[in-house]
């Protein structure tokens, strides 16, 4: 059985595999419930640890610390320690992390449309 398509206007099987692998890589990097949520907040303004923790209600401190460390290790955020007493730590999105803003905006846009769709279906079922 030949899996290769014969239509030149369609991507090849190898091209599809490359994209699938790239999606897998991206999902691995952004895996977890909170990374994209943290990143999207930091795209709008730098935040201190306690601000992020308070802004994302059910997030625990332990999980936030782990997620911030992963995001920093992957170069998506910058951890800035001030020289004040006591030291103050602020997190901001890096230029590299900012490259994910369009993706974050698209996901948010889709989420809003989906939420409207669900609300509409509930309204129709109430009739």
N, C-alpha and C. Protein backbone atom coordinates (compact mmCIF):
# COMPACT_ATOMS: atom_id res chain seq x y z
N UNK A 1 0.85 -1.19 0.00
CA UNK A 1 0.00 0.00 0.00
C UNK A 1 0.89 1.24 0.00
N UNK A 2 0.65 2.15 -0.92
CA UNK A 2 1.45 3.36 -1.07
C UNK A 2 0.86 4.49 -0.22
N UNK A 3 1.62 4.97 0.75
CA UNK A 3 1.14 6.05 1.62
C UNK A 3 1.45 7.43 1.05
N UNK A 4 2.34 7.51 0.10
CA UNK A 4 2.74 8.79 -0.47
C UNK A 4 1.61 9.31 -1.35
N UNK A 5 1.25 10.60 -1.15
CA UNK A 5 0.18 11.15 -1.98
C UNK A 5 0.73 11.49 -3.36
N UNK A 6 -0.12 11.53 -4.33
CA UNK A 6 0.28 11.83 -5.70
C UNK A 6 -0.16 13.21 -6.14
N UNK A 7 -0.86 13.90 -5.29
CA UNK A 7 -1.33 15.26 -5.61
C UNK A 7 -0.23 16.24 -5.23
N UNK A 8 0.39 16.94 -6.21
CA UNK A 8 1.51 17.84 -5.92
C UNK A 8 1.10 19.07 -5.09
N UNK A 9 -0.20 19.36 -5.01
CA UNK A 9 -0.64 20.52 -4.22
C UNK A 9 -0.71 20.20 -2.72
N UNK A 10 -0.66 18.91 -2.39
CA UNK A 10 -0.70 18.49 -0.99
C UNK A 10 0.71 18.28 -0.46
N UNK A 11 0.92 18.49 0.85
CA UNK A 11 2.26 18.24 1.41
C UNK A 11 2.59 16.75 1.35
N UNK A 12 3.88 16.47 1.29
CA UNK A 12 4.31 15.07 1.26
C UNK A 12 4.17 14.47 2.65
N UNK A 13 4.24 13.16 2.71
CA UNK A 13 4.17 12.46 3.98
C UNK A 13 5.31 12.91 4.90
N UNK A 14 6.52 13.07 4.33
CA UNK A 14 7.67 13.54 5.12
C UNK A 14 7.45 14.95 5.67
N UNK A 15 6.85 15.82 4.85
CA UNK A 15 6.54 17.17 5.33
C UNK A 15 5.56 17.13 6.50
N UNK A 16 4.57 16.26 6.40
CA UNK A 16 3.60 16.11 7.49
C UNK A 16 4.28 15.60 8.75
N UNK A 17 5.18 14.62 8.59
CA UNK A 17 5.90 14.10 9.75
C UNK A 17 6.75 15.16 10.42
N UNK A 18 7.40 16.02 9.63
CA UNK A 18 8.21 17.11 10.19
C UNK A 18 7.33 18.05 11.03
N UNK A 19 6.16 18.37 10.50
CA UNK A 19 5.25 19.26 11.23
C UNK A 19 4.74 18.59 12.50
N UNK A 20 4.42 17.32 12.40
CA UNK A 20 3.93 16.59 13.58
C UNK A 20 5.01 16.54 14.65
N UNK A 21 6.25 16.28 14.24
CA UNK A 21 7.37 16.27 15.20
C UNK A 21 7.56 17.64 15.82
N UNK A 22 7.43 18.69 15.00
CA UNK A 22 7.57 20.05 15.52
C UNK A 22 6.47 20.37 16.53
N UNK A 23 5.26 19.92 16.25
CA UNK A 23 4.15 20.12 17.19
C UNK A 23 4.43 19.34 18.48
N UNK A 24 4.91 18.12 18.35
CA UNK A 24 5.26 17.33 19.53
C UNK A 24 6.32 18.03 20.38
N UNK A 25 7.34 18.60 19.71
CA UNK A 25 8.39 19.33 20.43
C UNK A 25 7.81 20.53 21.18
N UNK A 26 6.94 21.26 20.50
CA UNK A 26 6.32 22.44 21.12
C UNK A 26 5.46 22.04 22.30
N UNK A 27 4.67 21.00 22.13
CA UNK A 27 3.80 20.54 23.21
C UNK A 27 4.62 20.05 24.40
N UNK A 28 5.75 19.41 24.13
CA UNK A 28 6.63 18.97 25.21
C UNK A 28 7.17 20.17 25.99
N UNK A 29 7.59 21.19 25.25
CA UNK A 29 8.12 22.39 25.89
C UNK A 29 7.07 23.11 26.72
N UNK A 30 5.84 23.14 26.22
CA UNK A 30 4.76 23.86 26.90
C UNK A 30 3.85 22.94 27.69
N UNK A 31 4.30 21.70 27.91
CA UNK A 31 3.46 20.73 28.60
C UNK A 31 3.17 21.17 30.03
N UNK A 32 2.12 20.63 30.55
CA UNK A 32 1.69 21.02 31.88
C UNK A 32 0.52 21.99 31.76
N UNK A 33 -0.17 22.10 32.83
CA UNK A 33 -1.39 22.90 32.83
C UNK A 33 -1.12 24.40 32.87
N UNK A 34 0.06 24.82 33.35
CA UNK A 34 0.24 26.22 33.70
C UNK A 34 1.24 27.01 32.85
N UNK A 35 2.11 26.36 32.11
CA UNK A 35 3.19 27.09 31.42
C UNK A 35 2.66 28.15 30.47
N UNK A 36 1.73 27.80 29.63
CA UNK A 36 1.21 28.77 28.67
C UNK A 36 0.46 29.90 29.39
N UNK A 37 -0.20 29.56 30.46
CA UNK A 37 -0.91 30.57 31.25
C UNK A 37 0.07 31.56 31.89
N UNK A 38 1.16 31.03 32.41
CA UNK A 38 2.20 31.89 33.00
C UNK A 38 2.82 32.76 31.93
N UNK A 39 3.20 32.15 30.82
CA UNK A 39 3.83 32.89 29.72
C UNK A 39 2.92 33.99 29.19
N UNK A 40 1.66 33.69 29.01
CA UNK A 40 0.75 34.69 28.46
C UNK A 40 0.61 35.89 29.38
N UNK A 41 0.64 35.68 30.69
CA UNK A 41 0.60 36.80 31.62
C UNK A 41 1.87 37.64 31.53
N UNK A 42 3.00 36.95 31.44
CA UNK A 42 4.28 37.67 31.38
C UNK A 42 4.48 38.40 30.06
N UNK A 43 3.73 38.04 29.03
CA UNK A 43 3.79 38.78 27.76
C UNK A 43 3.25 40.19 27.93
N UNK A 44 2.39 40.39 28.91
CA UNK A 44 1.78 41.70 29.10
C UNK A 44 2.50 42.56 30.11
N UNK A 45 3.17 41.92 31.08
CA UNK A 45 3.93 42.70 32.06
C UNK A 45 4.82 41.78 32.89
N UNK A 46 5.97 42.30 33.32
CA UNK A 46 6.79 41.53 34.26
C UNK A 46 6.03 41.37 35.57
N UNK A 47 6.24 40.25 36.23
CA UNK A 47 5.51 39.99 37.48
C UNK A 47 6.44 39.36 38.50
N UNK A 48 6.13 39.61 39.75
CA UNK A 48 6.84 38.95 40.84
C UNK A 48 6.18 37.59 41.08
N UNK A 49 6.92 36.72 41.73
CA UNK A 49 6.46 35.37 42.03
C UNK A 49 5.08 35.40 42.70
N UNK A 50 4.95 36.22 43.73
CA UNK A 50 3.68 36.26 44.48
C UNK A 50 2.53 36.78 43.63
N UNK A 51 2.81 37.67 42.69
CA UNK A 51 1.75 38.16 41.80
C UNK A 51 1.24 37.04 40.90
N UNK A 52 2.18 36.27 40.35
CA UNK A 52 1.78 35.15 39.49
C UNK A 52 0.97 34.14 40.30
N UNK A 53 1.47 33.83 41.48
CA UNK A 53 0.80 32.85 42.34
C UNK A 53 -0.61 33.30 42.69
N UNK A 54 -0.79 34.58 43.01
CA UNK A 54 -2.12 35.10 43.36
C UNK A 54 -3.02 35.22 42.14
N UNK A 55 -2.43 35.44 40.97
CA UNK A 55 -3.22 35.65 39.75
C UNK A 55 -3.77 34.35 39.19
N UNK A 56 -3.07 33.25 39.44
CA UNK A 56 -3.52 31.95 38.94
C UNK A 56 -4.01 31.15 40.14
N UNK A 57 -5.28 31.27 40.44
CA UNK A 57 -5.90 30.79 41.67
C UNK A 57 -5.48 29.40 42.17
N UNK A 58 -5.74 28.33 41.42
CA UNK A 58 -5.48 27.02 42.03
C UNK A 58 -4.02 26.57 41.95
N UNK A 59 -3.14 27.40 41.44
CA UNK A 59 -1.73 27.04 41.27
C UNK A 59 -1.01 27.03 42.60
N UNK A 60 -0.27 25.95 42.89
CA UNK A 60 0.48 25.87 44.15
C UNK A 60 1.87 26.46 43.95
N UNK A 61 2.48 26.88 45.04
CA UNK A 61 3.82 27.45 45.00
C UNK A 61 4.85 26.48 44.46
N UNK A 62 4.72 25.22 44.83
CA UNK A 62 5.67 24.20 44.38
C UNK A 62 5.60 24.04 42.86
N UNK A 63 4.41 23.99 42.33
CA UNK A 63 4.22 23.84 40.88
C UNK A 63 4.70 25.09 40.16
N UNK A 64 4.38 26.27 40.70
CA UNK A 64 4.82 27.51 40.08
C UNK A 64 6.34 27.56 40.01
N UNK A 65 7.01 27.21 41.09
CA UNK A 65 8.48 27.20 41.09
C UNK A 65 9.04 26.29 40.00
N UNK A 66 8.46 25.10 39.88
CA UNK A 66 8.91 24.15 38.87
C UNK A 66 8.68 24.67 37.46
N UNK A 67 7.49 25.24 37.23
CA UNK A 67 7.16 25.75 35.90
C UNK A 67 8.05 26.93 35.52
N UNK A 68 8.29 27.83 36.47
CA UNK A 68 9.16 28.98 36.20
C UNK A 68 10.58 28.52 35.88
N UNK A 69 11.06 27.54 36.61
CA UNK A 69 12.40 27.00 36.37
C UNK A 69 12.49 26.39 34.96
N UNK A 70 11.47 25.63 34.57
CA UNK A 70 11.45 25.03 33.22
C UNK A 70 11.41 26.11 32.14
N UNK A 71 10.57 27.11 32.34
CA UNK A 71 10.47 28.18 31.35
C UNK A 71 11.78 28.96 31.23
N UNK A 72 12.43 29.18 32.37
CA UNK A 72 13.73 29.88 32.36
C UNK A 72 14.80 29.02 31.69
N UNK A 73 14.85 27.74 32.00
CA UNK A 73 15.82 26.82 31.41
C UNK A 73 15.70 26.78 29.89
N UNK A 74 14.48 26.88 29.40
CA UNK A 74 14.24 26.85 27.96
C UNK A 74 14.34 28.23 27.31
N UNK A 75 14.71 29.24 28.07
CA UNK A 75 14.95 30.56 27.52
C UNK A 75 13.71 31.36 27.19
N UNK A 76 12.56 30.94 27.75
CA UNK A 76 11.31 31.63 27.44
C UNK A 76 11.03 32.79 28.38
N UNK A 77 11.59 32.75 29.58
CA UNK A 77 11.43 33.84 30.53
C UNK A 77 12.79 34.21 31.11
N UNK A 78 12.82 35.40 31.71
CA UNK A 78 14.03 35.91 32.35
C UNK A 78 13.72 36.15 33.82
N UNK A 79 14.59 35.66 34.67
CA UNK A 79 14.46 35.85 36.12
C UNK A 79 15.44 36.95 36.51
N UNK A 80 14.92 38.05 37.03
CA UNK A 80 15.75 39.19 37.38
C UNK A 80 15.70 39.41 38.89
N UNK A 81 16.86 39.32 39.54
CA UNK A 81 16.96 39.51 40.98
C UNK A 81 17.50 40.91 41.23
N UNK A 82 16.76 41.72 41.99
CA UNK A 82 17.20 43.08 42.30
C UNK A 82 18.17 43.05 43.48
N UNK A 83 18.94 44.10 43.60
CA UNK A 83 19.92 44.18 44.68
C UNK A 83 19.36 44.75 45.97
N UNK A 84 18.06 44.78 46.11
CA UNK A 84 17.44 45.34 47.32
C UNK A 84 17.55 44.36 48.48
N UNK A 85 17.32 44.87 49.68
CA UNK A 85 17.28 44.03 50.87
C UNK A 85 15.84 44.01 51.36
N UNK A 86 15.15 42.93 51.46
CA UNK A 86 15.50 41.62 50.90
C UNK A 86 15.45 41.65 49.38
N UNK A 87 16.14 40.73 48.72
CA UNK A 87 16.14 40.71 47.25
C UNK A 87 14.73 40.51 46.70
N UNK A 88 14.47 41.13 45.59
CA UNK A 88 13.18 41.01 44.92
C UNK A 88 13.41 40.31 43.58
N UNK A 89 12.58 39.35 43.26
CA UNK A 89 12.71 38.60 42.01
C UNK A 89 11.51 38.93 41.11
N UNK A 90 11.83 39.33 39.89
CA UNK A 90 10.80 39.63 38.90
C UNK A 90 11.02 38.74 37.69
N UNK A 91 9.92 38.25 37.15
CA UNK A 91 9.97 37.41 35.96
C UNK A 91 9.39 38.18 34.79
N UNK A 92 10.05 38.08 33.65
CA UNK A 92 9.53 38.70 32.44
C UNK A 92 9.75 37.74 31.28
N UNK A 93 9.01 37.96 30.23
CA UNK A 93 9.15 37.09 29.06
C UNK A 93 10.38 37.54 28.27
N UNK A 94 11.12 36.60 27.75
CA UNK A 94 12.29 36.91 26.93
C UNK A 94 11.83 37.22 25.50
N UNK A 95 12.74 37.74 24.69
CA UNK A 95 12.40 37.96 23.28
C UNK A 95 12.01 36.64 22.62
N UNK A 96 12.73 35.59 22.96
CA UNK A 96 12.42 34.27 22.42
C UNK A 96 11.02 33.82 22.88
N UNK A 97 10.71 34.03 24.15
CA UNK A 97 9.39 33.68 24.67
C UNK A 97 8.29 34.51 24.02
N UNK A 98 8.62 35.75 23.68
CA UNK A 98 7.64 36.64 23.05
C UNK A 98 7.25 36.11 21.67
N UNK A 99 8.10 35.27 21.08
CA UNK A 99 7.75 34.69 19.78
C UNK A 99 6.54 33.76 19.88
N UNK A 100 6.16 33.38 21.09
CA UNK A 100 4.98 32.53 21.30
C UNK A 100 3.70 33.35 21.52
N UNK A 101 3.82 34.67 21.51
CA UNK A 101 2.64 35.50 21.79
C UNK A 101 1.54 35.31 20.75
N UNK A 102 1.92 35.22 19.48
CA UNK A 102 0.90 35.00 18.45
C UNK A 102 0.16 33.69 18.67
N UNK A 103 0.91 32.66 19.05
CA UNK A 103 0.29 31.36 19.35
C UNK A 103 -0.67 31.50 20.53
N UNK A 104 -0.22 32.17 21.57
CA UNK A 104 -1.05 32.39 22.75
C UNK A 104 -2.32 33.17 22.39
N UNK A 105 -2.17 34.20 21.57
CA UNK A 105 -3.33 34.99 21.14
C UNK A 105 -4.31 34.14 20.32
N UNK A 106 -3.78 33.27 19.45
CA UNK A 106 -4.64 32.41 18.64
C UNK A 106 -5.39 31.41 19.52
N UNK A 107 -4.70 30.86 20.51
CA UNK A 107 -5.36 29.92 21.43
C UNK A 107 -6.46 30.64 22.20
N UNK A 108 -6.17 31.87 22.64
CA UNK A 108 -7.18 32.65 23.37
C UNK A 108 -8.38 32.96 22.47
N UNK A 109 -8.10 33.32 21.23
CA UNK A 109 -9.18 33.61 20.28
C UNK A 109 -10.06 32.38 20.06
N UNK A 110 -9.42 31.22 19.88
CA UNK A 110 -10.17 29.98 19.71
C UNK A 110 -10.99 29.68 20.97
N UNK A 111 -10.39 29.89 22.14
CA UNK A 111 -11.07 29.64 23.40
C UNK A 111 -12.32 30.50 23.56
N UNK A 112 -12.21 31.77 23.17
CA UNK A 112 -13.37 32.67 23.24
C UNK A 112 -14.48 32.20 22.30
N UNK A 113 -14.11 31.80 21.10
CA UNK A 113 -15.11 31.30 20.14
C UNK A 113 -15.76 30.01 20.66
N UNK A 114 -14.94 29.15 21.23
CA UNK A 114 -15.47 27.90 21.77
C UNK A 114 -16.43 28.16 22.93
N UNK A 115 -16.04 29.08 23.81
CA UNK A 115 -16.90 29.43 24.94
C UNK A 115 -18.24 29.97 24.45
N UNK A 116 -18.21 30.85 23.42
CA UNK A 116 -19.45 31.38 22.85
C UNK A 116 -20.30 30.26 22.24
N UNK A 117 -19.63 29.32 21.59
CA UNK A 117 -20.34 28.20 20.98
C UNK A 117 -21.03 27.35 22.03
N UNK A 118 -20.34 27.09 23.12
CA UNK A 118 -20.92 26.29 24.20
C UNK A 118 -22.11 27.02 24.82
N UNK A 119 -21.92 28.32 25.08
CA UNK A 119 -23.02 29.11 25.64
C UNK A 119 -24.23 29.10 24.73
N UNK A 120 -23.98 29.24 23.42
CA UNK A 120 -25.09 29.23 22.46
C UNK A 120 -25.82 27.90 22.46
N UNK A 121 -25.08 26.82 22.57
CA UNK A 121 -25.73 25.50 22.58
C UNK A 121 -26.56 25.31 23.84
N UNK A 122 -26.10 25.86 24.97
CA UNK A 122 -26.90 25.77 26.19
C UNK A 122 -28.16 26.60 26.07
N UNK A 123 -28.06 27.77 25.48
CA UNK A 123 -29.24 28.62 25.30
C UNK A 123 -30.28 27.94 24.41
N UNK A 124 -29.80 27.28 23.34
CA UNK A 124 -30.72 26.59 22.42
C UNK A 124 -31.39 25.41 23.12
N UNK A 125 -30.64 24.73 23.98
CA UNK A 125 -31.22 23.56 24.64
C UNK A 125 -32.21 23.95 25.74
N UNK A 126 -32.16 25.22 26.18
CA UNK A 126 -33.10 25.70 27.19
C UNK A 126 -34.47 26.01 26.60
N UNK A 127 -34.53 26.14 25.27
CA UNK A 127 -35.79 26.52 24.63
C UNK A 127 -36.83 25.47 24.70
